[in-house]
């Protein structure tokens, strides 16, 4: 069976930790920021751990 190519979109948007967790950025933090409260904008900062079936599918697309 041939090698599988890494999904280009996924490799730009997520990263895998040493323990194998999938980290992603939170949505809604790029535009229309004027109407969002400061507390809400702070929530968008940083990375979030993905879990369950979503994480499993992403690992498959990354070839892990």
C-alpha atoms as a PDB file:
ATOM      1  CA  UNK A   1       0.000   0.000   0.000  1.00  0.00           C
ATOM      2  CA  UNK A   2       1.380   3.483  -0.814  1.00  0.00           C
ATOM      3  CA  UNK A   3       2.262   6.076   1.793  1.00  0.00           C
ATOM      4  CA  UNK A   4      -0.521   8.481   2.773  1.00  0.00           C
ATOM      5  CA  UNK A   5       0.003  12.212   2.303  1.00  0.00           C
ATOM      6  CA  UNK A   6      -0.354  14.528   5.287  1.00  0.00           C
ATOM      7  CA  UNK A   7      -3.416  16.782   5.067  1.00  0.00           C
ATOM      8  CA  UNK A   8      -1.982  20.255   4.401  1.00  0.00           C
ATOM      9  CA  UNK A   9      -4.853  22.196   6.024  1.00  0.00           C
ATOM     10  CA  UNK A  10      -4.714  20.230   9.269  1.00  0.00           C
ATOM     11  CA  UNK A  11      -0.946  20.438   9.694  1.00  0.00           C
ATOM     12  CA  UNK A  12      -1.175  24.255   9.619  1.00  0.00           C
ATOM     13  CA  UNK A  13      -3.994  24.447  12.176  1.00  0.00           C
ATOM     14  CA  UNK A  14      -3.158  21.927  14.908  1.00  0.00           C
ATOM     15  CA  UNK A  15      -0.166  20.642  16.796  1.00  0.00           C
ATOM     16  CA  UNK A  16       0.426  17.424  18.707  1.00  0.00           C
ATOM     17  CA  UNK A  17       1.887  17.465  22.223  1.00  0.00           C
ATOM     18  CA  UNK A  18       4.515  15.019  23.427  1.00  0.00           C
ATOM     19  CA  UNK A  19       1.809  13.008  25.167  1.00  0.00           C
ATOM     20  CA  UNK A  20      -0.217  12.803  21.947  1.00  0.00           C
ATOM     21  CA  UNK A  21      -2.923  15.381  22.664  1.00  0.00           C
ATOM     22  CA  UNK A  22      -4.245  17.517  19.791  1.00  0.00           C
ATOM     23  CA  UNK A  23      -4.064  21.285  20.405  1.00  0.00           C
ATOM     24  CA  UNK A  24      -5.981  23.863  18.352  1.00  0.00           C
ATOM     25  CA  UNK A  25      -6.769  27.586  18.391  1.00  0.00           C
ATOM     26  CA  UNK A  26     -10.184  28.707  19.576  1.00  0.00           C
ATOM     27  CA  UNK A  27     -12.649  30.035  17.016  1.00  0.00           C
ATOM     28  CA  UNK A  28     -14.120  33.575  16.779  1.00  0.00           C
ATOM     29  CA  UNK A  29     -11.041  35.505  17.909  1.00  0.00           C
ATOM     30  CA  UNK A  30     -10.079  37.220  14.658  1.00  0.00           C
ATOM     31  CA  UNK A  31     -12.761  39.669  13.595  1.00  0.00           C
ATOM     32  CA  UNK A  32     -15.810  41.579  14.914  1.00  0.00           C
ATOM     33  CA  UNK A  33     -13.806  42.121  18.108  1.00  0.00           C
ATOM     34  CA  UNK A  34     -15.368  45.526  18.834  1.00  0.00           C
ATOM     35  CA  UNK A  35     -18.651  44.037  20.010  1.00  0.00           C
ATOM     36  CA  UNK A  36     -17.027  41.306  22.150  1.00  0.00           C
ATOM     37  CA  UNK A  37     -16.236  41.952  25.797  1.00  0.00           C
ATOM     38  CA  UNK A  38     -12.648  41.945  27.056  1.00  0.00           C
ATOM     39  CA  UNK A  39     -13.330  38.855  29.152  1.00  0.00           C
ATOM     40  CA  UNK A  40     -14.691  37.021  26.124  1.00  0.00           C
ATOM     41  CA  UNK A  41     -11.678  38.018  24.016  1.00  0.00           C
ATOM     42  CA  UNK A  42      -9.308  36.693  26.674  1.00  0.00           C
ATOM     43  CA  UNK A  43     -11.067  33.341  26.451  1.00  0.00           C
ATOM     44  CA  UNK A  44     -10.035  33.084  22.790  1.00  0.00           C
ATOM     45  CA  UNK A  45      -6.341  33.407  23.668  1.00  0.00           C
ATOM     46  CA  UNK A  46      -4.175  30.330  23.939  1.00  0.00           C
ATOM     47  CA  UNK A  47      -4.703  26.807  22.733  1.00  0.00           C
ATOM     48  CA  UNK A  48      -7.394  24.261  23.538  1.00  0.00           C
ATOM     49  CA  UNK A  49      -7.113  20.474  23.793  1.00  0.00           C
ATOM     50  CA  UNK A  50      -9.317  18.516  21.430  1.00  0.00           C
ATOM     51  CA  UNK A  51     -10.615  15.142  22.428  1.00  0.00           C
ATOM     52  CA  UNK A  52     -12.722  12.218  21.378  1.00  0.00           C
ATOM     53  CA  UNK A  53     -13.509  11.274  17.806  1.00  0.00           C
ATOM     54  CA  UNK A  54     -12.388  14.667  16.445  1.00  0.00           C
ATOM     55  CA  UNK A  55      -8.860  14.194  17.780  1.00  0.00           C
ATOM     56  CA  UNK A  56      -8.738  10.651  16.425  1.00  0.00           C
ATOM     57  CA  UNK A  57      -9.742  11.809  12.924  1.00  0.00           C
ATOM     58  CA  UNK A  58      -7.147  14.609  12.971  1.00  0.00           C
ATOM     59  CA  UNK A  59      -4.380  12.207  13.977  1.00  0.00           C
ATOM     60  CA  UNK A  60      -5.369   9.980  11.068  1.00  0.00           C
ATOM     61  CA  UNK A  61      -5.106  12.918   8.654  1.00  0.00           C
ATOM     62  CA  UNK A  62      -1.654  13.709  10.034  1.00  0.00           C
ATOM     63  CA  UNK A  63      -0.518  10.125   9.535  1.00  0.00           C
ATOM     64  CA  UNK A  64      -0.131   9.311  13.242  1.00  0.00           C
END
